[in-house]
Amino acid sequence: MKTVCDDPKDVYSAACPCRDMLDLLANKWSALALGAIEDGPQRFGALRARLQGVSPKVLTQTLRRLEDHGLVHREVYPEVPLRVEYSLTPLGRDANVPLALLRTWVERNIDRFPGSD
């Protein structure tokens, strides 16, 4: 009989490598950053303006994690001043599908949440 721990792709298993990606995607700034980039490449300043309330430090950390996990591509243009743009990778576009549904669900149901009045 197979146990849960025998499957290396079981997110409920403590040893599952999927948990790191789940942790990243369940983070609000990650979900919002991916959504902000979905319409095309964005510069850091544009992302910071779109994601109201995020600090530069947190946005930098979030973008680095998204890049490290293959969800975001960082393109550096050798111009003066230096220009950097962030875009979704194919994996990032795939991840953004369920996240877009979640973002939409939250917006549509905000009035149903306790304390939202």
N, C-alpha and C. Protein backbone atom coordinates (compact mmCIF):
# COMPACT_ATOMS: atom_id res chain seq x y z
N MET A 1 0.83 -1.17 0.00
CA MET A 1 0.00 0.00 0.00
C MET A 1 0.89 1.25 0.00
N LYS A 2 0.59 2.18 -0.90
CA LYS A 2 1.37 3.40 -1.04
C LYS A 2 0.95 4.42 0.02
N THR A 3 1.94 5.05 0.64
CA THR A 3 1.64 6.09 1.60
C THR A 3 1.87 7.45 0.96
N VAL A 4 1.38 8.49 1.58
CA VAL A 4 1.50 9.85 1.06
C VAL A 4 2.95 10.23 0.85
N CYS A 5 3.84 9.82 1.75
CA CYS A 5 5.24 10.22 1.68
C CYS A 5 5.99 9.55 0.53
N ASP A 6 5.41 8.52 -0.08
CA ASP A 6 6.07 7.84 -1.19
C ASP A 6 6.03 8.66 -2.47
N ASP A 7 5.19 9.66 -2.55
CA ASP A 7 5.06 10.46 -3.76
C ASP A 7 5.82 11.77 -3.60
N PRO A 8 6.91 11.96 -4.37
CA PRO A 8 7.70 13.19 -4.22
C PRO A 8 6.98 14.45 -4.71
N LYS A 9 5.83 14.28 -5.32
CA LYS A 9 5.07 15.43 -5.81
C LYS A 9 3.79 15.64 -5.03
N ASP A 10 3.76 15.21 -3.79
CA ASP A 10 2.59 15.38 -2.94
C ASP A 10 2.79 16.60 -2.07
N VAL A 11 2.08 17.67 -2.38
CA VAL A 11 2.25 18.94 -1.68
C VAL A 11 1.93 18.84 -0.19
N TYR A 12 1.20 17.82 0.21
CA TYR A 12 0.87 17.63 1.63
C TYR A 12 2.01 16.97 2.40
N SER A 13 2.98 16.42 1.69
CA SER A 13 4.12 15.79 2.33
C SER A 13 5.14 16.86 2.75
N ALA A 14 5.65 16.75 3.96
CA ALA A 14 6.62 17.73 4.46
C ALA A 14 7.88 17.77 3.60
N ALA A 15 8.21 16.66 2.96
CA ALA A 15 9.42 16.58 2.15
C ALA A 15 9.19 17.00 0.70
N CYS A 16 8.00 17.41 0.36
CA CYS A 16 7.69 17.73 -1.03
C CYS A 16 8.38 19.02 -1.48
N PRO A 17 9.12 18.98 -2.58
CA PRO A 17 9.75 20.19 -3.10
C PRO A 17 8.74 21.19 -3.66
N CYS A 18 7.50 20.76 -3.84
CA CYS A 18 6.44 21.66 -4.33
C CYS A 18 6.12 22.77 -3.33
N ARG A 19 6.39 22.53 -2.08
CA ARG A 19 6.00 23.49 -1.04
C ARG A 19 6.66 24.85 -1.20
N ASP A 20 7.89 24.88 -1.68
CA ASP A 20 8.57 26.16 -1.87
C ASP A 20 7.84 27.00 -2.93
N MET A 21 7.43 26.35 -4.01
CA MET A 21 6.69 27.07 -5.06
C MET A 21 5.32 27.49 -4.54
N LEU A 22 4.66 26.63 -3.79
CA LEU A 22 3.36 26.98 -3.22
C LEU A 22 3.49 28.16 -2.28
N ASP A 23 4.53 28.18 -1.47
CA ASP A 23 4.77 29.29 -0.57
C ASP A 23 4.96 30.59 -1.35
N LEU A 24 5.72 30.53 -2.44
CA LEU A 24 5.95 31.72 -3.26
C LEU A 24 4.65 32.21 -3.89
N LEU A 25 3.89 31.32 -4.48
CA LEU A 25 2.66 31.72 -5.18
C LEU A 25 1.54 32.16 -4.23
N ALA A 26 1.56 31.64 -3.00
CA ALA A 26 0.53 32.02 -2.03
C ALA A 26 0.82 33.38 -1.40
N ASN A 27 1.97 33.96 -1.66
CA ASN A 27 2.33 35.27 -1.14
C ASN A 27 1.60 36.35 -1.93
N LYS A 28 0.97 37.29 -1.22
CA LYS A 28 0.16 38.30 -1.91
C LYS A 28 0.98 39.14 -2.88
N TRP A 29 2.22 39.50 -2.53
CA TRP A 29 3.01 40.34 -3.43
C TRP A 29 3.41 39.58 -4.68
N SER A 30 3.65 38.28 -4.55
CA SER A 30 3.95 37.47 -5.74
C SER A 30 2.74 37.41 -6.66
N ALA A 31 1.58 37.12 -6.08
CA ALA A 31 0.35 37.03 -6.88
C ALA A 31 0.04 38.34 -7.57
N LEU A 32 0.25 39.45 -6.86
CA LEU A 32 -0.03 40.76 -7.44
C LEU A 32 1.01 41.16 -8.48
N ALA A 33 2.28 40.84 -8.23
CA ALA A 33 3.34 41.17 -9.20
C ALA A 33 3.13 40.41 -10.50
N LEU A 34 2.80 39.14 -10.41
CA LEU A 34 2.56 38.36 -11.62
C LEU A 34 1.38 38.94 -12.40
N GLY A 35 0.35 39.35 -11.70
CA GLY A 35 -0.80 39.97 -12.37
C GLY A 35 -0.45 41.29 -13.02
N ALA A 36 0.40 42.06 -12.37
CA ALA A 36 0.79 43.37 -12.91
C ALA A 36 1.66 43.24 -14.15
N ILE A 37 2.34 42.11 -14.28
CA ILE A 37 3.23 41.90 -15.43
C ILE A 37 2.52 41.19 -16.58
N GLU A 38 1.32 40.68 -16.36
CA GLU A 38 0.68 39.84 -17.37
C GLU A 38 0.40 40.55 -18.69
N ASP A 39 0.25 41.86 -18.70
CA ASP A 39 -0.04 42.57 -19.95
C ASP A 39 1.21 42.96 -20.73
N GLY A 40 2.37 42.64 -20.21
CA GLY A 40 3.60 42.93 -20.92
C GLY A 40 4.70 43.36 -19.97
N PRO A 41 5.91 43.49 -20.50
CA PRO A 41 7.06 43.84 -19.67
C PRO A 41 6.83 45.13 -18.89
N GLN A 42 7.33 45.14 -17.66
CA GLN A 42 7.16 46.29 -16.77
C GLN A 42 8.50 46.65 -16.14
N ARG A 43 8.71 47.93 -15.97
CA ARG A 43 9.88 48.40 -15.25
C ARG A 43 9.56 48.43 -13.75
N PHE A 44 10.61 48.45 -12.95
CA PHE A 44 10.45 48.40 -11.50
C PHE A 44 9.55 49.52 -10.99
N GLY A 45 9.78 50.74 -11.46
CA GLY A 45 8.99 51.88 -10.99
C GLY A 45 7.51 51.73 -11.31
N ALA A 46 7.22 51.19 -12.49
CA ALA A 46 5.82 50.98 -12.88
C ALA A 46 5.18 49.92 -11.99
N LEU A 47 5.93 48.88 -11.69
CA LEU A 47 5.41 47.82 -10.81
C LEU A 47 5.17 48.37 -9.41
N ARG A 48 6.10 49.15 -8.93
CA ARG A 48 5.95 49.72 -7.58
C ARG A 48 4.73 50.63 -7.50
N ALA A 49 4.50 51.41 -8.56
CA ALA A 49 3.33 52.29 -8.59
C ALA A 49 2.04 51.49 -8.65
N ARG A 50 2.05 50.40 -9.39
CA ARG A 50 0.84 49.57 -9.55
C ARG A 50 0.53 48.80 -8.27
N LEU A 51 1.55 48.31 -7.60
CA LEU A 51 1.37 47.53 -6.37
C LEU A 51 1.43 48.47 -5.17
N GLN A 52 0.41 49.25 -5.01
CA GLN A 52 0.37 50.24 -3.94
C GLN A 52 0.59 49.58 -2.59
N GLY A 53 1.49 50.19 -1.81
CA GLY A 53 1.76 49.69 -0.46
C GLY A 53 2.98 48.80 -0.35
N VAL A 54 3.55 48.37 -1.46
CA VAL A 54 4.74 47.52 -1.39
C VAL A 54 5.97 48.41 -1.25
N SER A 55 6.89 47.99 -0.39
CA SER A 55 8.13 48.75 -0.23
C SER A 55 9.10 48.33 -1.34
N PRO A 56 10.05 49.18 -1.68
CA PRO A 56 11.05 48.80 -2.68
C PRO A 56 11.80 47.53 -2.31
N LYS A 57 12.10 47.38 -1.01
CA LYS A 57 12.82 46.18 -0.56
C LYS A 57 12.01 44.91 -0.79
N VAL A 58 10.73 44.94 -0.41
CA VAL A 58 9.87 43.76 -0.57
C VAL A 58 9.65 43.46 -2.05
N LEU A 59 9.46 44.49 -2.86
CA LEU A 59 9.27 44.25 -4.29
C LEU A 59 10.52 43.65 -4.91
N THR A 60 11.68 44.16 -4.53
CA THR A 60 12.94 43.60 -5.04
C THR A 60 13.07 42.13 -4.65
N GLN A 61 12.80 41.81 -3.38
CA GLN A 61 12.89 40.43 -2.91
C GLN A 61 11.89 39.54 -3.65
N THR A 62 10.69 40.04 -3.85
CA THR A 62 9.65 39.27 -4.54
C THR A 62 10.05 38.99 -5.98
N LEU A 63 10.51 40.01 -6.68
CA LEU A 63 10.91 39.83 -8.08
C LEU A 63 12.10 38.87 -8.20
N ARG A 64 13.02 38.95 -7.26
CA ARG A 64 14.17 38.02 -7.28
C ARG A 64 13.71 36.59 -7.08
N ARG A 65 12.81 36.38 -6.14
CA ARG A 65 12.29 35.01 -5.91
C ARG A 65 11.53 34.50 -7.13
N LEU A 66 10.71 35.37 -7.73
CA LEU A 66 9.98 34.96 -8.92
C LEU A 66 10.93 34.62 -10.06
N GLU A 67 12.00 35.39 -10.17
CA GLU A 67 13.01 35.11 -11.20
C GLU A 67 13.75 33.80 -10.88
N ASP A 68 14.15 33.62 -9.64
CA ASP A 68 14.86 32.40 -9.23
C ASP A 68 14.04 31.14 -9.47
N HIS A 69 12.72 31.26 -9.39
CA HIS A 69 11.83 30.11 -9.58
C HIS A 69 11.36 29.98 -11.03
N GLY A 70 11.88 30.81 -11.91
CA GLY A 70 11.58 30.68 -13.33
C GLY A 70 10.24 31.23 -13.77
N LEU A 71 9.64 32.10 -12.93
CA LEU A 71 8.33 32.66 -13.26
C LEU A 71 8.43 34.02 -13.97
N VAL A 72 9.52 34.72 -13.71
CA VAL A 72 9.73 36.06 -14.25
C VAL A 72 11.11 36.12 -14.90
N HIS A 73 11.18 36.83 -16.03
CA HIS A 73 12.45 37.07 -16.71
C HIS A 73 12.84 38.53 -16.48
N ARG A 74 14.08 38.74 -16.10
CA ARG A 74 14.62 40.09 -15.87
C ARG A 74 15.55 40.42 -17.03
N GLU A 75 15.21 41.46 -17.76
CA GLU A 75 16.01 41.88 -18.91
C GLU A 75 16.67 43.21 -18.58
N VAL A 76 18.00 43.25 -18.68
CA VAL A 76 18.76 44.46 -18.42
C VAL A 76 19.22 45.03 -19.76
N TYR A 77 18.87 46.28 -20.01
CA TYR A 77 19.27 46.96 -21.24
C TYR A 77 20.45 47.88 -20.92
N PRO A 78 21.55 47.70 -21.65
CA PRO A 78 22.76 48.50 -21.37
C PRO A 78 22.63 49.92 -21.91
N GLU A 79 21.82 50.70 -21.24
CA GLU A 79 21.59 52.09 -21.61
C GLU A 79 21.99 52.97 -20.44
N VAL A 80 22.09 54.26 -20.71
CA VAL A 80 22.35 55.22 -19.64
C VAL A 80 21.15 56.14 -19.55
N PRO A 81 20.40 56.13 -18.45
CA PRO A 81 20.58 55.24 -17.31
C PRO A 81 20.15 53.81 -17.64
N LEU A 82 20.64 52.88 -16.84
CA LEU A 82 20.34 51.46 -17.02
C LEU A 82 18.83 51.23 -16.97
N ARG A 83 18.34 50.40 -17.90
CA ARG A 83 16.91 50.09 -17.93
C ARG A 83 16.73 48.60 -17.68
N VAL A 84 15.81 48.26 -16.77
CA VAL A 84 15.52 46.87 -16.44
C VAL A 84 14.02 46.65 -16.61
N GLU A 85 13.65 45.56 -17.29
CA GLU A 85 12.24 45.21 -17.46
C GLU A 85 12.02 43.78 -16.99
N TYR A 86 10.83 43.57 -16.44
CA TYR A 86 10.42 42.26 -15.96
C TYR A 86 9.26 41.76 -16.83
N SER A 87 9.33 40.50 -17.23
CA SER A 87 8.26 39.90 -18.03
C SER A 87 8.01 38.48 -17.53
N LEU A 88 6.84 37.97 -17.87
CA LEU A 88 6.49 36.60 -17.47
C LEU A 88 7.16 35.60 -18.40
N THR A 89 7.63 34.52 -17.83
CA THR A 89 8.11 33.38 -18.60
C THR A 89 6.89 32.52 -18.95
N PRO A 90 7.05 31.52 -19.79
CA PRO A 90 5.92 30.59 -20.02
C PRO A 90 5.40 29.98 -18.71
N LEU A 91 6.30 29.64 -17.80
CA LEU A 91 5.86 29.09 -16.51
C LEU A 91 5.10 30.14 -15.72
N GLY A 92 5.55 31.38 -15.76
CA GLY A 92 4.86 32.47 -15.08
C GLY A 92 3.47 32.72 -15.65
N ARG A 93 3.34 32.62 -16.97
CA ARG A 93 2.02 32.77 -17.60
C ARG A 93 1.09 31.65 -17.16
N ASP A 94 1.62 30.44 -17.08
CA ASP A 94 0.81 29.30 -16.61
C ASP A 94 0.37 29.50 -15.16
N ALA A 95 1.29 29.94 -14.31
CA ALA A 95 0.96 30.15 -12.89
C ALA A 95 -0.04 31.28 -12.73
N ASN A 96 0.00 32.24 -13.62
CA ASN A 96 -0.87 33.40 -13.50
C ASN A 96 -2.34 33.07 -13.78
N VAL A 97 -2.61 31.98 -14.47
CA VAL A 97 -4.00 31.61 -14.79
C VAL A 97 -4.81 31.38 -13.50
N PRO A 98 -4.40 30.46 -12.62
CA PRO A 98 -5.20 30.29 -11.39
C PRO A 98 -5.12 31.50 -10.46
N LEU A 99 -3.99 32.21 -10.48
CA LEU A 99 -3.87 33.39 -9.63
C LEU A 99 -4.81 34.50 -10.10
N ALA A 100 -5.00 34.63 -11.40
CA ALA A 100 -5.94 35.62 -11.92
C ALA A 100 -7.36 35.29 -11.47
N LEU A 101 -7.70 34.02 -11.48
CA LEU A 101 -9.02 33.60 -11.01
C LEU A 101 -9.18 33.93 -9.53
N LEU A 102 -8.15 33.71 -8.75
CA LEU A 102 -8.20 34.02 -7.32
C LEU A 102 -8.34 35.52 -7.09
N ARG A 103 -7.56 36.33 -7.81
CA ARG A 103 -7.65 37.79 -7.67
C ARG A 103 -9.07 38.26 -8.02
N THR A 104 -9.63 37.74 -9.10
CA THR A 104 -10.98 38.11 -9.51
C THR A 104 -12.00 37.68 -8.48
N TRP A 105 -11.86 36.48 -7.95
CA TRP A 105 -12.79 35.98 -6.93
C TRP A 105 -12.79 36.88 -5.71
N VAL A 106 -11.59 37.28 -5.27
CA VAL A 106 -11.49 38.15 -4.09
C VAL A 106 -12.19 39.48 -4.35
N GLU A 107 -11.95 40.08 -5.52
CA GLU A 107 -12.58 41.37 -5.84
C GLU A 107 -14.11 41.25 -5.89
N ARG A 108 -14.59 40.17 -6.46
CA ARG A 108 -16.04 39.99 -6.61
C ARG A 108 -16.74 39.66 -5.29
N ASN A 109 -16.01 39.11 -4.34
CA ASN A 109 -16.62 38.65 -3.10
C ASN A 109 -16.23 39.46 -1.87
N ILE A 110 -15.54 40.57 -2.05
CA ILE A 110 -15.05 41.35 -0.92
C ILE A 110 -16.17 41.74 0.04
N ASP A 111 -17.36 42.01 -0.48
CA ASP A 111 -18.48 42.42 0.38
C ASP A 111 -18.99 41.28 1.26
N ARG A 112 -18.62 40.05 0.96
CA ARG A 112 -19.07 38.91 1.74
C ARG A 112 -18.15 38.59 2.91
N PHE A 113 -16.95 39.19 2.92
CA PHE A 113 -15.97 38.90 3.95
C PHE A 113 -16.30 39.63 5.24
N PRO A 114 -16.14 38.97 6.38
CA PRO A 114 -16.37 39.65 7.66
C PRO A 114 -15.43 40.87 7.79
N GLY A 115 -16.00 41.95 8.27
CA GLY A 115 -15.22 43.16 8.48
C GLY A 115 -14.95 43.99 7.24
N SER A 116 -15.62 43.68 6.14
CA SER A 116 -15.37 44.43 4.90
C SER A 116 -16.31 45.62 4.73
N ASP A 117 -17.17 45.89 5.73
CA ASP A 117 -18.09 47.00 5.59
C ASP A 117 -17.48 48.29 5.90
